[in-house]
Amino acid sequence: MTPEHAPDTYVGLAEDEAERLARNRGWRVVRSLPPGSIITMEYLEGRINFEVEEGVVTRSWLG
C-alpha cells in the first residue's frame, strides 16, 4: 500500500529531513538519487524517489 501524500510536498526540503518525513509517513523504501542518475523504470509500490542536488530535494516521484 502506498501512503497518500503528494510527492511534491518533499521538494525543497533537505535530503535528511525529506527521508525522515517520508519514513514517518509510511514509505517503505526511500531512494535518493543525484540528478541524471540512470535508473530502471520498474514501478515498486511503497517506494518514493528523491532527486537530490546539493543536499536538497529538487524532484520527487513514486515507484
N, C-alpha and C. Protein backbone atom coordinates (compact mmCIF):
# COMPACT_ATOMS: atom_id res chain seq x y z
N MET A 1 0.84 -1.18 0.00
CA MET A 1 0.00 0.00 0.00
C MET A 1 0.88 1.24 0.00
N THR A 2 0.50 2.25 -0.75
CA THR A 2 1.25 3.48 -0.89
C THR A 2 0.62 4.57 -0.01
N PRO A 3 1.41 5.28 0.77
CA PRO A 3 0.87 6.40 1.56
C PRO A 3 0.23 7.45 0.65
N GLU A 4 -0.71 8.18 1.18
CA GLU A 4 -1.48 9.15 0.41
C GLU A 4 -0.93 10.57 0.52
N HIS A 5 0.35 10.77 0.30
CA HIS A 5 0.95 12.09 0.37
C HIS A 5 1.52 12.44 -1.00
N ALA A 6 1.26 13.66 -1.44
CA ALA A 6 1.75 14.11 -2.74
C ALA A 6 3.27 14.19 -2.74
N PRO A 7 3.93 13.64 -3.74
CA PRO A 7 5.39 13.68 -3.80
C PRO A 7 5.95 15.10 -3.78
N ASP A 8 5.22 16.06 -4.32
CA ASP A 8 5.72 17.44 -4.38
C ASP A 8 5.92 18.07 -3.01
N THR A 9 5.34 17.49 -1.96
CA THR A 9 5.49 18.07 -0.62
C THR A 9 6.92 17.95 -0.11
N TYR A 10 7.76 17.14 -0.76
CA TYR A 10 9.14 16.94 -0.32
C TYR A 10 10.12 17.86 -1.03
N VAL A 11 9.71 18.44 -2.16
CA VAL A 11 10.60 19.30 -2.94
C VAL A 11 10.94 20.55 -2.13
N GLY A 12 12.24 20.84 -2.07
CA GLY A 12 12.74 21.99 -1.33
C GLY A 12 13.23 21.66 0.06
N LEU A 13 12.94 20.44 0.53
CA LEU A 13 13.41 20.02 1.85
C LEU A 13 14.84 19.51 1.77
N ALA A 14 15.55 19.59 2.90
CA ALA A 14 16.88 18.98 2.98
C ALA A 14 16.70 17.47 2.85
N GLU A 15 17.67 16.80 2.25
CA GLU A 15 17.59 15.37 1.99
C GLU A 15 17.26 14.57 3.24
N ASP A 16 17.98 14.80 4.33
CA ASP A 16 17.75 14.01 5.54
C ASP A 16 16.37 14.28 6.13
N GLU A 17 15.90 15.52 6.07
CA GLU A 17 14.57 15.86 6.56
C GLU A 17 13.49 15.17 5.72
N ALA A 18 13.67 15.19 4.39
CA ALA A 18 12.70 14.57 3.49
C ALA A 18 12.64 13.06 3.71
N GLU A 19 13.80 12.42 3.86
CA GLU A 19 13.84 10.97 4.10
C GLU A 19 13.16 10.62 5.42
N ARG A 20 13.44 11.38 6.46
CA ARG A 20 12.84 11.12 7.77
C ARG A 20 11.32 11.29 7.71
N LEU A 21 10.86 12.35 7.07
CA LEU A 21 9.44 12.62 6.93
C LEU A 21 8.75 11.51 6.13
N ALA A 22 9.37 11.09 5.03
CA ALA A 22 8.79 10.04 4.20
C ALA A 22 8.64 8.73 4.98
N ARG A 23 9.66 8.36 5.74
CA ARG A 23 9.58 7.13 6.54
C ARG A 23 8.50 7.26 7.63
N ASN A 24 8.41 8.42 8.26
CA ASN A 24 7.38 8.65 9.27
C ASN A 24 5.98 8.58 8.67
N ARG A 25 5.86 8.94 7.40
CA ARG A 25 4.57 8.89 6.72
C ARG A 25 4.24 7.51 6.17
N GLY A 26 5.15 6.56 6.32
CA GLY A 26 4.85 5.19 5.94
C GLY A 26 5.47 4.65 4.67
N TRP A 27 6.36 5.43 4.04
CA TRP A 27 7.03 4.90 2.84
C TRP A 27 8.01 3.82 3.26
N ARG A 28 7.89 2.65 2.65
CA ARG A 28 8.77 1.52 2.99
C ARG A 28 10.17 1.72 2.43
N VAL A 29 10.25 2.23 1.22
CA VAL A 29 11.55 2.42 0.56
C VAL A 29 11.68 3.88 0.15
N VAL A 30 12.75 4.50 0.59
CA VAL A 30 13.05 5.89 0.23
C VAL A 30 14.38 5.88 -0.51
N ARG A 31 14.36 6.34 -1.76
CA ARG A 31 15.57 6.29 -2.58
C ARG A 31 15.96 7.70 -2.98
N SER A 32 17.19 8.09 -2.67
CA SER A 32 17.74 9.40 -3.05
C SER A 32 18.76 9.21 -4.16
N LEU A 33 18.64 10.03 -5.18
CA LEU A 33 19.49 9.90 -6.36
C LEU A 33 20.03 11.27 -6.78
N PRO A 34 21.25 11.31 -7.29
CA PRO A 34 21.75 12.56 -7.85
C PRO A 34 21.08 12.84 -9.19
N PRO A 35 21.05 14.11 -9.63
CA PRO A 35 20.45 14.45 -10.92
C PRO A 35 21.09 13.65 -12.06
N GLY A 36 20.24 13.20 -12.98
CA GLY A 36 20.73 12.49 -14.15
C GLY A 36 21.08 11.03 -13.93
N SER A 37 20.74 10.49 -12.78
CA SER A 37 21.04 9.08 -12.50
C SER A 37 20.32 8.17 -13.49
N ILE A 38 20.99 7.12 -13.87
CA ILE A 38 20.38 6.12 -14.74
C ILE A 38 19.71 5.10 -13.83
N ILE A 39 18.40 4.96 -13.99
CA ILE A 39 17.64 4.02 -13.16
C ILE A 39 16.72 3.20 -14.05
N THR A 40 16.31 2.05 -13.54
CA THR A 40 15.33 1.25 -14.26
C THR A 40 13.96 1.86 -14.04
N MET A 41 13.03 1.55 -14.90
CA MET A 41 11.70 2.16 -14.85
C MET A 41 10.67 1.25 -14.19
N GLU A 42 11.11 0.20 -13.49
CA GLU A 42 10.11 -0.66 -12.84
C GLU A 42 9.44 0.09 -11.70
N TYR A 43 8.15 -0.15 -11.55
CA TYR A 43 7.39 0.51 -10.51
C TYR A 43 7.39 -0.39 -9.27
N LEU A 44 7.73 0.17 -8.14
CA LEU A 44 7.74 -0.56 -6.88
C LEU A 44 6.79 0.14 -5.92
N GLU A 45 5.66 -0.50 -5.62
CA GLU A 45 4.70 0.09 -4.70
C GLU A 45 5.36 0.29 -3.35
N GLY A 46 5.10 1.42 -2.72
CA GLY A 46 5.68 1.71 -1.42
C GLY A 46 7.03 2.39 -1.47
N ARG A 47 7.48 2.77 -2.69
CA ARG A 47 8.77 3.45 -2.82
C ARG A 47 8.55 4.89 -3.27
N ILE A 48 9.31 5.79 -2.67
CA ILE A 48 9.34 7.18 -3.12
C ILE A 48 10.78 7.50 -3.49
N ASN A 49 10.93 8.23 -4.57
CA ASN A 49 12.25 8.60 -5.08
C ASN A 49 12.47 10.09 -4.94
N PHE A 50 13.67 10.45 -4.55
CA PHE A 50 14.06 11.86 -4.46
C PHE A 50 15.25 12.09 -5.36
N GLU A 51 15.19 13.14 -6.17
CA GLU A 51 16.37 13.61 -6.88
C GLU A 51 16.94 14.71 -5.99
N VAL A 52 18.21 14.56 -5.63
CA VAL A 52 18.82 15.45 -4.65
C VAL A 52 20.02 16.16 -5.26
N GLU A 53 20.01 17.48 -5.15
CA GLU A 53 21.13 18.29 -5.64
C GLU A 53 21.60 19.20 -4.52
N GLU A 54 22.87 19.08 -4.19
CA GLU A 54 23.49 19.87 -3.11
C GLU A 54 22.72 19.74 -1.80
N GLY A 55 22.25 18.51 -1.52
CA GLY A 55 21.60 18.21 -0.25
C GLY A 55 20.14 18.60 -0.15
N VAL A 56 19.55 19.06 -1.27
CA VAL A 56 18.15 19.49 -1.27
C VAL A 56 17.37 18.69 -2.31
N VAL A 57 16.16 18.26 -1.95
CA VAL A 57 15.30 17.53 -2.88
C VAL A 57 14.79 18.49 -3.94
N THR A 58 15.07 18.17 -5.21
CA THR A 58 14.65 19.02 -6.32
C THR A 58 13.51 18.41 -7.12
N ARG A 59 13.29 17.10 -6.91
CA ARG A 59 12.22 16.39 -7.63
C ARG A 59 11.86 15.17 -6.81
N SER A 60 10.59 14.76 -6.88
CA SER A 60 10.15 13.59 -6.15
C SER A 60 9.07 12.87 -6.96
N TRP A 61 9.14 11.53 -6.98
CA TRP A 61 8.14 10.76 -7.73
C TRP A 61 7.97 9.40 -7.06
N LEU A 62 6.86 8.76 -7.36
CA LEU A 62 6.53 7.47 -6.76
C LEU A 62 7.05 6.32 -7.61
N GLY A 63 7.24 5.20 -6.95
CA GLY A 63 7.60 3.96 -7.63
C GLY A 63 9.03 3.71 -7.64
